[in-house]
Amino acid sequence: MDKLYTAVIGTGHLGSRHAKVYSGLKKVNLVGVCDINEERGKKTAKKYRTAYYSDYHSLFDKVQAVSIAVPTFMHHKIAKDFLNNGIHVLIEKPITKTLKEADELLEAAKRKNLTIQVGHIERFNSAVRAIEPYIKEPKFIECTRSGPFVARAADIGVVLDLMIHDIDIILGLIESSVESIEAVGVKIVSQHEDTANVRMMFANKAVCDLTASRVTKKATRTIKIFQEDSYIYLNYLTQSATLFKKENNVMKKKNIRIHKEEPLKKELESFVDCVLNGKRPIVSGSEARRALKVAIDITEQIKAKLNG
C-alpha cells in the first residue's frame, strides 16, 4: 500500500483541521469529508480540494481509514459502522461515552484486525516527548488545564472534555494502578460539571492533583512533575519544558531542548504509519479505554456529590 485513502467525518473545528493536515500528507489521498451540515461540509471540501459527502455510509467502498471528529455521543455508532466494514479509525477523544461502547469497538477492531487510534493529542506534543528521558519515578504530579467554554463540547463535562488529556498522560507516566479518587466539580454554564478538581492516589504512593475548567478567559495547559531529585515544569501551549535538578545540594535549572512540531500533524502521520505498516498506535483503543475508565469514575463521583 503506497497511499492511504482517507476521509474525515465531521467538519467542525477539529474535523476541518484533520482535513487540512491530511490534504498535505504525501502518503494520503483525502477522498472526502462528510458532514450533515451541507454548507460547512462543502466549504471544507472546497478548501482542501476534495469531495463532500452528506452520508458517511457512501464512503465504505472508497476509503481504508477515517478520522471521526463528531460529538462524543456519536463516536460509537459511526466508528462501529466503519470497523464492521473493514476500515481503520482514528477517533477524537474520548473514545466513547461509556465503557460498554468502548469495549464493543475494541472487539470489532480485534475481530477484523483493524487499527483504532484515539486523539489524545498531548502524547504528540513535542515537549512531552522531550521530557521522557528525564522521567524516573514521579512522586507528585500537578496538572492545570483551563480555557473558555466551547459549545461543541456541551454534550460532555469538563472531565471528559479537557481533564481526560491529563489523565491519559498521568497513566502513561505512573506505572501503578489507581487506588483512590477524590473529586469535586461545579456546574456553571452547562448541564455537566464545568470545573473540577481531582486528587488521585496510586498503589505505589504517587499522588496527582488535577484541575480543569472551561469557564476561564485565558487558556492554561501545564503539568508539574516532582521526583526524588528533580522537578519538571511543562507548558503544553508553548511546547516548552524546564528541568530543575539537585546537584551538590543545589537546584540547577536547565531548559530542555525541544524541536517544536505540530502535534496534530505528528498524530495523523503516526496513524497513517500504523495503518500502512501494521504498527501499534501510541494511543490505541485500550489506552483510551483505560483513561475513559478513570474519567468516568471521576464524573460519577462528581455527579453523586452534585445530586446528593
C-alpha atoms as a PDB file:
ATOM      1  CA  MET A   1       0.000   0.000   0.000  1.00  0.00           C
ATOM      2  CA  ASP A   2       1.709   3.197  -1.186  1.00  0.00           C
ATOM      3  CA  LYS A   3      -1.061   5.650  -0.310  1.00  0.00           C
ATOM      4  CA  LEU A   4      -3.770   5.561   2.303  1.00  0.00           C
ATOM      5  CA  TYR A   5      -7.266   6.533   1.140  1.00  0.00           C
ATOM      6  CA  THR A   6      -8.863   8.513   3.957  1.00  0.00           C
ATOM      7  CA  ALA A   7     -11.843  10.690   4.803  1.00  0.00           C
ATOM      8  CA  VAL A   8     -12.858  12.935   7.687  1.00  0.00           C
ATOM      9  CA  ILE A   9     -16.241  12.525   9.358  1.00  0.00           C
ATOM     10  CA  GLY A  10     -17.316  15.838  10.868  1.00  0.00           C
ATOM     11  CA  THR A  11     -16.055  19.196   9.600  1.00  0.00           C
ATOM     12  CA  GLY A  12     -16.324  21.307  12.714  1.00  0.00           C
ATOM     13  CA  HIS A  13     -13.275  22.898  14.354  1.00  0.00           C
ATOM     14  CA  LEU A  14     -11.334  19.649  14.812  1.00  0.00           C
ATOM     15  CA  GLY A  15     -12.536  17.892  11.667  1.00  0.00           C
ATOM     16  CA  SER A  16     -11.515  20.771   9.424  1.00  0.00           C
ATOM     17  CA  ARG A  17      -8.039  20.659  10.986  1.00  0.00           C
ATOM     18  CA  HIS A  18      -7.816  16.931  10.273  1.00  0.00           C
ATOM     19  CA  ALA A  19      -8.790  17.592   6.641  1.00  0.00           C
ATOM     20  CA  LYS A  20      -6.147  20.305   6.369  1.00  0.00           C
ATOM     21  CA  VAL A  21      -3.377  18.021   7.647  1.00  0.00           C
ATOM     22  CA  TYR A  22      -4.431  15.018   5.552  1.00  0.00           C
ATOM     23  CA  SER A  23      -4.551  17.177   2.415  1.00  0.00           C
ATOM     24  CA  GLY A  24      -0.848  17.951   2.890  1.00  0.00           C
ATOM     25  CA  LEU A  25       0.451  14.447   3.674  1.00  0.00           C
ATOM     26  CA  LYS A  26       2.279  12.709   0.815  1.00  0.00           C
ATOM     27  CA  LYS A  27       1.170   9.228   1.825  1.00  0.00           C
ATOM     28  CA  VAL A  28      -2.509  10.176   1.974  1.00  0.00           C
ATOM     29  CA  ASN A  29      -5.255  10.596  -0.587  1.00  0.00           C
ATOM     30  CA  LEU A  30      -8.034  12.592   1.069  1.00  0.00           C
ATOM     31  CA  VAL A  31     -11.066  11.062  -0.656  1.00  0.00           C
ATOM     32  CA  GLY A  32     -13.613  13.318   1.002  1.00  0.00           C
ATOM     33  CA  VAL A  33     -15.169  14.930   4.032  1.00  0.00           C
ATOM     34  CA  CYS A  34     -18.598  14.180   5.471  1.00  0.00           C
ATOM     35  CA  ASP A  35     -20.952  16.355   7.479  1.00  0.00           C
ATOM     36  CA  ILE A  36     -24.731  16.586   7.881  1.00  0.00           C
ATOM     37  CA  ASN A  37     -24.245  20.370   7.692  1.00  0.00           C
ATOM     38  CA  GLU A  38     -24.062  20.709   3.898  1.00  0.00           C
ATOM     39  CA  GLU A  39     -22.831  24.298   3.845  1.00  0.00           C
ATOM     40  CA  ARG A  40     -19.997  23.633   6.281  1.00  0.00           C
ATOM     41  CA  GLY A  41     -19.060  20.326   4.671  1.00  0.00           C
ATOM     42  CA  LYS A  42     -18.945  21.733   1.146  1.00  0.00           C
ATOM     43  CA  LYS A  43     -16.901  24.706   2.323  1.00  0.00           C
ATOM     44  CA  THR A  44     -14.304  22.396   3.894  1.00  0.00           C
ATOM     45  CA  ALA A  45     -14.280  20.103   0.842  1.00  0.00           C
ATOM     46  CA  LYS A  46     -13.679  23.033  -1.493  1.00  0.00           C
ATOM     47  CA  LYS A  47     -10.940  24.469   0.709  1.00  0.00           C
ATOM     48  CA  TYR A  48      -8.978  21.208   0.737  1.00  0.00           C
ATOM     49  CA  ARG A  49      -9.824  20.144  -2.833  1.00  0.00           C
ATOM     50  CA  THR A  50     -11.761  17.020  -2.022  1.00  0.00           C
ATOM     51  CA  ALA A  51     -15.315  15.685  -2.317  1.00  0.00           C
ATOM     52  CA  TYR A  52     -18.236  16.357   0.010  1.00  0.00           C
ATOM     53  CA  TYR A  53     -20.461  13.572   1.329  1.00  0.00           C
ATOM     54  CA  SER A  54     -23.665  14.052   3.286  1.00  0.00           C
ATOM     55  CA  ASP A  55     -23.872  10.379   4.340  1.00  0.00           C
ATOM     56  CA  TYR A  56     -20.819   8.547   5.717  1.00  0.00           C
ATOM     57  CA  HIS A  57     -22.190   5.208   4.512  1.00  0.00           C
ATOM     58  CA  SER A  58     -21.270   6.324   0.979  1.00  0.00           C
ATOM     59  CA  LEU A  59     -17.581   6.145   1.940  1.00  0.00           C
ATOM     60  CA  PHE A  60     -17.439   2.446   2.905  1.00  0.00           C
ATOM     61  CA  ASP A  61     -16.181   1.315  -0.514  1.00  0.00           C
ATOM     62  CA  LYS A  62     -13.944   4.331  -1.077  1.00  0.00           C
ATOM     63  CA  VAL A  63     -11.618   4.557   1.950  1.00  0.00           C
ATOM     64  CA  GLN A  64      -9.245   2.449   4.031  1.00  0.00           C
ATOM     65  CA  ALA A  65      -9.180   4.714   7.096  1.00  0.00           C
ATOM     66  CA  VAL A  66     -11.116   7.641   8.559  1.00  0.00           C
ATOM     67  CA  SER A  67     -10.848  10.335  11.201  1.00  0.00           C
ATOM     68  CA  ILE A  68     -14.022  10.659  13.266  1.00  0.00           C
ATOM     69  CA  ALA A  69     -14.436  14.169  14.663  1.00  0.00           C
ATOM     70  CA  VAL A  70     -18.105  14.354  15.648  1.00  0.00           C
ATOM     71  CA  PRO A  71     -19.745  14.912  19.071  1.00  0.00           C
ATOM     72  CA  THR A  72     -18.848  12.193  21.586  1.00  0.00           C
ATOM     73  CA  PHE A  73     -22.305  10.597  21.711  1.00  0.00           C
ATOM     74  CA  MET A  74     -21.941   9.689  18.007  1.00  0.00           C
ATOM     75  CA  HIS A  75     -18.465   8.103  18.248  1.00  0.00           C
ATOM     76  CA  HIS A  76     -19.656   4.574  18.963  1.00  0.00           C
ATOM     77  CA  LYS A  77     -22.215   4.268  16.160  1.00  0.00           C
ATOM     78  CA  ILE A  78     -20.058   5.772  13.422  1.00  0.00           C
ATOM     79  CA  ALA A  79     -16.813   4.051  14.443  1.00  0.00           C
ATOM     80  CA  LYS A  80     -18.567   0.682  14.742  1.00  0.00           C
ATOM     81  CA  ASP A  81     -20.039   1.037  11.253  1.00  0.00           C
ATOM     82  CA  PHE A  82     -16.631   1.760   9.734  1.00  0.00           C
ATOM     83  CA  LEU A  83     -14.899  -1.032  11.671  1.00  0.00           C
ATOM     84  CA  ASN A  84     -17.562  -3.539  10.610  1.00  0.00           C
ATOM     85  CA  ASN A  85     -16.856  -2.540   7.029  1.00  0.00           C
ATOM     86  CA  GLY A  86     -13.114  -3.217   7.402  1.00  0.00           C
ATOM     87  CA  ILE A  87     -11.982   0.404   7.790  1.00  0.00           C
ATOM     88  CA  HIS A  88      -9.361   1.651  10.288  1.00  0.00           C
ATOM     89  CA  VAL A  89     -10.435   4.529  12.547  1.00  0.00           C
ATOM     90  CA  LEU A  90      -8.920   7.456  14.370  1.00  0.00           C
ATOM     91  CA  ILE A  91     -11.478   8.683  16.904  1.00  0.00           C
ATOM     92  CA  GLU A  92     -11.205  12.050  18.593  1.00  0.00           C
ATOM     93  CA  LYS A  93     -11.097  11.737  22.381  1.00  0.00           C
ATOM     94  CA  PRO A  94     -12.816  10.473  24.424  1.00  0.00           C
ATOM     95  CA  ILE A  95     -13.124   7.166  22.596  1.00  0.00           C
ATOM     96  CA  THR A  96     -16.820   6.831  23.571  1.00  0.00           C
ATOM     97  CA  LYS A  97     -19.205   7.953  26.302  1.00  0.00           C
ATOM     98  CA  THR A  98     -19.380   4.553  28.043  1.00  0.00           C
ATOM     99  CA  LEU A  99     -17.064   1.626  28.743  1.00  0.00           C
ATOM    100  CA  LYS A 100     -19.549  -0.776  27.128  1.00  0.00           C
ATOM    101  CA  GLU A 101     -19.363   1.211  23.890  1.00  0.00           C
ATOM    102  CA  ALA A 102     -15.557   1.278  24.061  1.00  0.00           C
ATOM    103  CA  ASP A 103     -15.438  -2.489  24.595  1.00  0.00           C
ATOM    104  CA  GLU A 104     -17.668  -3.068  21.564  1.00  0.00           C
ATOM    105  CA  LEU A 105     -15.297  -1.027  19.382  1.00  0.00           C
ATOM    106  CA  LEU A 106     -12.238  -2.857  20.722  1.00  0.00           C
ATOM    107  CA  GLU A 107     -13.893  -6.195  19.994  1.00  0.00           C
ATOM    108  CA  ALA A 108     -14.879  -5.137  16.468  1.00  0.00           C
ATOM    109  CA  ALA A 109     -11.324  -3.966  15.726  1.00  0.00           C
ATOM    110  CA  LYS A 110      -9.826  -7.181  17.102  1.00  0.00           C
ATOM    111  CA  ARG A 111     -12.229  -9.324  15.100  1.00  0.00           C
ATOM    112  CA  LYS A 112     -11.338  -7.539  11.845  1.00  0.00           C
ATOM    113  CA  ASN A 113      -7.642  -6.962  12.696  1.00  0.00           C
ATOM    114  CA  LEU A 114      -8.055  -3.190  12.383  1.00  0.00           C
ATOM    115  CA  THR A 115      -6.401  -0.176  13.994  1.00  0.00           C
ATOM    116  CA  ILE A 116      -8.158   2.075  16.491  1.00  0.00           C
ATOM    117  CA  GLN A 117      -6.218   5.200  17.408  1.00  0.00           C
ATOM    118  CA  VAL A 118      -7.694   7.811  19.732  1.00  0.00           C
ATOM    119  CA  GLY A 119      -6.967  11.522  19.568  1.00  0.00           C
ATOM    120  CA  HIS A 120      -5.176  12.105  22.864  1.00  0.00           C
ATOM    121  CA  ILE A 121      -3.112  14.720  21.100  1.00  0.00           C
ATOM    122  CA  GLU A 122      -0.896  15.700  24.048  1.00  0.00           C
ATOM    123  CA  ARG A 123       1.001  12.420  23.580  1.00  0.00           C
ATOM    124  CA  PHE A 124       2.327  14.004  20.378  1.00  0.00           C
ATOM    125  CA  ASN A 125       3.240  17.323  21.974  1.00  0.00           C
ATOM    126  CA  SER A 126       6.953  17.904  21.326  1.00  0.00           C
ATOM    127  CA  ALA A 127       7.543  18.896  24.953  1.00  0.00           C
ATOM    128  CA  VAL A 128       6.010  15.641  26.243  1.00  0.00           C
ATOM    129  CA  ARG A 129       8.280  13.606  24.003  1.00  0.00           C
ATOM    130  CA  ALA A 130      11.295  15.695  25.078  1.00  0.00           C
ATOM    131  CA  ILE A 131      10.885  15.090  28.836  1.00  0.00           C
ATOM    132  CA  GLU A 132      10.649  11.297  28.516  1.00  0.00           C
ATOM    133  CA  PRO A 133      14.397  10.716  29.207  1.00  0.00           C
ATOM    134  CA  TYR A 134      14.103  12.707  32.467  1.00  0.00           C
ATOM    135  CA  ILE A 135      11.153  10.780  33.908  1.00  0.00           C
ATOM    136  CA  LYS A 136      12.191   8.328  36.624  1.00  0.00           C
ATOM    137  CA  GLU A 137       9.600   7.724  39.331  1.00  0.00           C
ATOM    138  CA  PRO A 138       7.169  10.624  39.789  1.00  0.00           C
ATOM    139  CA  LYS A 139       6.079  11.131  43.385  1.00  0.00           C
ATOM    140  CA  PHE A 140       3.680  14.038  42.892  1.00  0.00           C
ATOM    141  CA  ILE A 141       2.137  15.470  39.712  1.00  0.00           C
ATOM    142  CA  GLU A 142       0.102  18.652  39.407  1.00  0.00           C
ATOM    143  CA  CYS A 143      -1.933  19.382  36.273  1.00  0.00           C
ATOM    144  CA  THR A 144      -3.846  22.538  35.332  1.00  0.00           C
ATOM    145  CA  ARG A 145      -5.946  22.749  32.182  1.00  0.00           C
ATOM    146  CA  SER A 146      -8.375  25.597  31.606  1.00  0.00           C
ATOM    147  CA  GLY A 147      -9.909  27.753  28.918  1.00  0.00           C
ATOM    148  CA  PRO A 148     -13.133  29.372  27.724  1.00  0.00           C
ATOM    149  CA  PHE A 149     -16.346  27.409  27.196  1.00  0.00           C
ATOM    150  CA  VAL A 150     -16.814  25.901  23.730  1.00  0.00           C
ATOM    151  CA  ALA A 151     -20.372  24.956  22.785  1.00  0.00           C
ATOM    152  CA  ARG A 152     -19.320  21.981  20.634  1.00  0.00           C
ATOM    153  CA  ALA A 153     -18.327  20.068  23.803  1.00  0.00           C
ATOM    154  CA  ALA A 154     -21.547  20.770  25.725  1.00  0.00           C
ATOM    155  CA  ASP A 155     -22.638  17.112  25.484  1.00  0.00           C
ATOM    156  CA  ILE A 156     -19.921  16.123  27.985  1.00  0.00           C
ATOM    157  CA  GLY A 157     -18.456  17.624  31.152  1.00  0.00           C
ATOM    158  CA  VAL A 158     -15.031  19.176  31.626  1.00  0.00           C
ATOM    159  CA  VAL A 159     -13.543  15.873  32.831  1.00  0.00           C
ATOM    160  CA  LEU A 160     -14.259  14.067  29.536  1.00  0.00           C
ATOM    161  CA  ASP A 161     -13.695  17.251  27.541  1.00  0.00           C
ATOM    162  CA  LEU A 162     -10.380  18.525  28.952  1.00  0.00           C
ATOM    163  CA  MET A 163      -9.134  16.633  32.009  1.00  0.00           C
ATOM    164  CA  ILE A 164      -9.014  13.321  30.143  1.00  0.00           C
ATOM    165  CA  HIS A 165      -5.896  14.590  28.326  1.00  0.00           C
ATOM    166  CA  ASP A 166      -4.064  14.848  31.648  1.00  0.00           C
ATOM    167  CA  ILE A 167      -5.491  11.552  32.903  1.00  0.00           C
ATOM    168  CA  ASP A 168      -4.043   9.846  29.817  1.00  0.00           C
ATOM    169  CA  ILE A 169      -0.627  11.481  30.294  1.00  0.00           C
ATOM    170  CA  ILE A 170      -0.525  10.603  34.001  1.00  0.00           C
ATOM    171  CA  LEU A 171      -1.451   6.966  33.404  1.00  0.00           C
ATOM    172  CA  GLY A 172       1.456   6.831  30.964  1.00  0.00           C
ATOM    173  CA  LEU A 173       3.891   8.399  33.466  1.00  0.00           C
ATOM    174  CA  ILE A 174       2.994   6.408  36.582  1.00  0.00           C
ATOM    175  CA  GLU A 175       3.482   2.662  36.330  1.00  0.00           C
ATOM    176  CA  SER A 176       0.976   1.752  39.003  1.00  0.00           C
ATOM    177  CA  SER A 177      -2.758   1.276  39.470  1.00  0.00           C
ATOM    178  CA  VAL A 178      -5.138   3.979  40.719  1.00  0.00           C
ATOM    179  CA  GLU A 179      -6.011   3.239  44.351  1.00  0.00           C
ATOM    180  CA  SER A 180      -8.384   6.077  45.216  1.00  0.00           C
ATOM    181  CA  ILE A 181     -10.006   9.186  43.764  1.00  0.00           C
ATOM    182  CA  GLU A 182     -11.337  12.298  45.494  1.00  0.00           C
ATOM    183  CA  ALA A 183     -13.231  14.559  43.100  1.00  0.00           C
ATOM    184  CA  VAL A 184     -15.335  17.718  43.271  1.00  0.00           C
ATOM    185  CA  GLY A 185     -16.967  19.667  40.468  1.00  0.00           C
ATOM    186  CA  VAL A 186     -19.338  22.532  39.794  1.00  0.00           C
ATOM    187  CA  LYS A 187     -21.915  23.175  37.053  1.00  0.00           C
ATOM    188  CA  ILE A 188     -21.675  26.741  35.786  1.00  0.00           C
ATOM    189  CA  VAL A 189     -22.697  27.103  32.122  1.00  0.00           C
ATOM    190  CA  SER A 190     -23.797  23.595  31.086  1.00  0.00           C
ATOM    191  CA  GLN A 191     -25.722  20.588  32.393  1.00  0.00           C
ATOM    192  CA  HIS A 192     -22.420  18.901  33.288  1.00  0.00           C
ATOM    193  CA  GLU A 193     -19.501  19.838  35.531  1.00  0.00           C
ATOM    194  CA  ASP A 194     -17.637  22.828  34.037  1.00  0.00           C
ATOM    195  CA  THR A 195     -14.863  22.985  36.585  1.00  0.00           C
ATOM    196  CA  ALA A 196     -13.382  20.075  38.514  1.00  0.00           C
ATOM    197  CA  ASN A 197     -10.604  19.264  40.946  1.00  0.00           C
ATOM    198  CA  VAL A 198      -9.362  15.730  41.496  1.00  0.00           C
ATOM    199  CA  ARG A 199      -6.798  14.025  43.710  1.00  0.00           C
ATOM    200  CA  MET A 200      -5.680  10.598  42.511  1.00  0.00           C
ATOM    201  CA  MET A 201      -3.732   8.229  44.763  1.00  0.00           C
ATOM    202  CA  PHE A 202      -1.787   5.349  43.217  1.00  0.00           C
ATOM    203  CA  ALA A 203      -0.825   1.978  44.687  1.00  0.00           C
ATOM    204  CA  ASN A 204       2.867   2.973  44.598  1.00  0.00           C
ATOM    205  CA  LYS A 205       2.022   6.034  46.795  1.00  0.00           C
ATOM    206  CA  ALA A 206       2.312   8.559  43.953  1.00  0.00           C
ATOM    207  CA  VAL A 207      -0.216  11.398  44.171  1.00  0.00           C
ATOM    208  CA  CYS A 208      -1.702  13.555  41.402  1.00  0.00           C
ATOM    209  CA  ASP A 209      -3.724  16.745  41.658  1.00  0.00           C
ATOM    210  CA  LEU A 210      -5.709  17.712  38.561  1.00  0.00           C
ATOM    211  CA  THR A 211      -7.682  20.898  37.964  1.00  0.00           C
ATOM    212  CA  ALA A 212      -9.731  21.507  34.836  1.00  0.00           C
ATOM    213  CA  SER A 213     -12.018  24.399  33.971  1.00  0.00           C
ATOM    214  CA  ARG A 214     -13.773  25.528  30.822  1.00  0.00           C
ATOM    215  CA  VAL A 215     -15.028  28.848  32.141  1.00  0.00           C
ATOM    216  CA  THR A 216     -11.792  30.829  32.268  1.00  0.00           C
ATOM    217  CA  LYS A 217     -10.858  33.557  29.834  1.00  0.00           C
ATOM    218  CA  LYS A 218      -7.229  32.545  29.455  1.00  0.00           C
ATOM    219  CA  ALA A 219      -6.125  29.105  28.243  1.00  0.00           C
ATOM    220  CA  THR A 220      -3.700  27.266  30.529  1.00  0.00           C
ATOM    221  CA  ARG A 221      -2.157  23.835  29.914  1.00  0.00           C
ATOM    222  CA  THR A 222       0.612  22.921  32.362  1.00  0.00           C
ATOM    223  CA  ILE A 223       1.971  19.923  34.218  1.00  0.00           C
ATOM    224  CA  LYS A 224       4.473  19.834  37.101  1.00  0.00           C
ATOM    225  CA  ILE A 225       6.245  16.558  37.845  1.00  0.00           C
ATOM    226  CA  PHE A 226       8.058  16.165  41.165  1.00  0.00           C
ATOM    227  CA  GLN A 227      10.604  13.346  41.628  1.00  0.00           C
ATOM    228  CA  GLU A 228      13.130  12.483  44.323  1.00  0.00           C
ATOM    229  CA  ASP A 229      15.940  14.627  42.898  1.00  0.00           C
ATOM    230  CA  SER A 230      14.213  16.783  40.286  1.00  0.00           C
ATOM    231  CA  TYR A 231      11.209  18.828  39.263  1.00  0.00           C
ATOM    232  CA  ILE A 232       9.931  19.245  35.691  1.00  0.00           C
ATOM    233  CA  TYR A 233       7.669  22.073  34.566  1.00  0.00           C
ATOM    234  CA  LEU A 234       5.999  21.664  31.165  1.00  0.00           C
ATOM    235  CA  ASN A 235       3.787  24.072  29.231  1.00  0.00           C
ATOM    236  CA  TYR A 236       1.759  22.291  26.555  1.00  0.00           C
ATOM    237  CA  LEU A 237       0.724  25.512  24.799  1.00  0.00           C
ATOM    238  CA  THR A 238       4.234  26.872  24.302  1.00  0.00           C
ATOM    239  CA  GLN A 239       5.711  23.363  23.909  1.00  0.00           C
ATOM    240  CA  SER A 240       8.400  24.221  26.454  1.00  0.00           C
ATOM    241  CA  ALA A 241       9.825  22.380  29.451  1.00  0.00           C
ATOM    242  CA  THR A 242      12.258  23.184  32.262  1.00  0.00           C
ATOM    243  CA  LEU A 243      14.167  20.734  34.448  1.00  0.00           C
ATOM    244  CA  PHE A 244      15.214  21.653  37.988  1.00  0.00           C
ATOM    245  CA  LYS A 245      17.695  19.029  39.215  1.00  0.00           C
ATOM    246  CA  LYS A 246      19.545  18.701  42.514  1.00  0.00           C
ATOM    247  CA  GLU A 247      23.315  18.865  42.106  1.00  0.00           C
ATOM    248  CA  ASN A 248      25.566  19.211  45.168  1.00  0.00           C
ATOM    249  CA  ASN A 249      22.524  20.117  47.257  1.00  0.00           C
ATOM    250  CA  VAL A 250      21.642  22.964  44.881  1.00  0.00           C
ATOM    251  CA  MET A 251      18.725  23.005  42.424  1.00  0.00           C
ATOM    252  CA  LYS A 252      20.137  23.688  38.970  1.00  0.00           C
ATOM    253  CA  LYS A 253      17.856  24.940  36.195  1.00  0.00           C
ATOM    254  CA  LYS A 254      18.015  23.512  32.677  1.00  0.00           C
ATOM    255  CA  ASN A 255      15.793  24.443  29.744  1.00  0.00           C
ATOM    256  CA  ILE A 256      15.108  21.207  27.885  1.00  0.00           C
ATOM    257  CA  ARG A 257      15.867  21.472  24.184  1.00  0.00           C
ATOM    258  CA  ILE A 258      12.711  20.907  22.148  1.00  0.00           C
ATOM    259  CA  HIS A 259      12.216  20.684  18.403  1.00  0.00           C
ATOM    260  CA  LYS A 260       8.689  22.066  18.095  1.00  0.00           C
ATOM    261  CA  GLU A 261       6.323  20.341  15.668  1.00  0.00           C
ATOM    262  CA  GLU A 262       2.578  20.496  15.113  1.00  0.00           C
ATOM    263  CA  PRO A 263       1.050  17.824  17.412  1.00  0.00           C
ATOM    264  CA  LEU A 264      -1.923  17.092  15.129  1.00  0.00           C
ATOM    265  CA  LYS A 265       0.348  16.543  12.146  1.00  0.00           C
ATOM    266  CA  LYS A 266       2.523  14.146  14.192  1.00  0.00           C
ATOM    267  CA  GLU A 267      -0.612  12.352  15.405  1.00  0.00           C
ATOM    268  CA  LEU A 268      -2.043  11.841  11.917  1.00  0.00           C
ATOM    269  CA  GLU A 269       1.337  10.868  10.464  1.00  0.00           C
ATOM    270  CA  SER A 270       1.573   8.243  13.200  1.00  0.00           C
ATOM    271  CA  PHE A 271      -1.926   6.954  12.411  1.00  0.00           C
ATOM    272  CA  VAL A 272      -1.109   6.670   8.707  1.00  0.00           C
ATOM    273  CA  ASP A 273       2.162   4.862   9.516  1.00  0.00           C
ATOM    274  CA  CYS A 274       0.364   2.422  11.841  1.00  0.00           C
ATOM    275  CA  VAL A 275      -2.223   1.547   9.196  1.00  0.00           C
ATOM    276  CA  LEU A 276       0.224   1.270   6.300  1.00  0.00           C
ATOM    277  CA  ASN A 277       2.852  -0.688   8.221  1.00  0.00           C
ATOM    278  CA  GLY A 278       0.814  -2.630  10.769  1.00  0.00           C
ATOM    279  CA  LYS A 279       2.257  -0.826  13.801  1.00  0.00           C
ATOM    280  CA  ARG A 280       0.587  -0.380  17.190  1.00  0.00           C
ATOM    281  CA  PRO A 281      -0.670   3.170  17.871  1.00  0.00           C
ATOM    282  CA  ILE A 282       0.886   5.188  20.681  1.00  0.00           C
ATOM    283  CA  VAL A 283      -2.670   5.748  21.935  1.00  0.00           C
ATOM    284  CA  SER A 284      -4.568   2.608  20.977  1.00  0.00           C
ATOM    285  CA  GLY A 285      -8.156   1.824  21.883  1.00  0.00           C
ATOM    286  CA  SER A 286      -7.026   0.027  25.044  1.00  0.00           C
ATOM    287  CA  GLU A 287      -5.058   3.039  26.354  1.00  0.00           C
ATOM    288  CA  ALA A 288      -8.028   5.264  25.563  1.00  0.00           C
ATOM    289  CA  ARG A 289     -10.369   2.893  27.399  1.00  0.00           C
ATOM    290  CA  ARG A 290      -8.112   2.996  30.456  1.00  0.00           C
ATOM    291  CA  ALA A 291      -8.257   6.813  30.518  1.00  0.00           C
ATOM    292  CA  LEU A 292     -12.020   6.713  29.941  1.00  0.00           C
ATOM    293  CA  LYS A 293     -12.485   4.351  32.917  1.00  0.00           C
ATOM    294  CA  VAL A 294     -10.745   6.785  35.273  1.00  0.00           C
ATOM    295  CA  ALA A 295     -12.601   9.768  33.774  1.00  0.00           C
ATOM    296  CA  ILE A 296     -15.962   8.025  34.226  1.00  0.00           C
ATOM    297  CA  ASP A 297     -15.097   7.129  37.851  1.00  0.00           C
ATOM    298  CA  ILE A 298     -14.350  10.818  38.433  1.00  0.00           C
ATOM    299  CA  THR A 299     -17.517  12.101  36.738  1.00  0.00           C
ATOM    300  CA  GLU A 300     -19.711   9.622  38.618  1.00  0.00           C
ATOM    301  CA  GLN A 301     -18.234  10.767  41.928  1.00  0.00           C
ATOM    302  CA  ILE A 302     -18.826  14.403  40.970  1.00  0.00           C
ATOM    303  CA  LYS A 303     -22.437  13.693  39.903  1.00  0.00           C
ATOM    304  CA  ALA A 304     -23.136  11.890  43.153  1.00  0.00           C
ATOM    305  CA  LYS A 305     -21.941  14.906  45.140  1.00  0.00           C
ATOM    306  CA  LEU A 306     -23.829  17.393  42.933  1.00  0.00           C
ATOM    307  CA  ASN A 307     -27.057  15.410  43.240  1.00  0.00           C
ATOM    308  CA  GLY A 308     -26.597  14.372  46.860  1.00  0.00           C
END
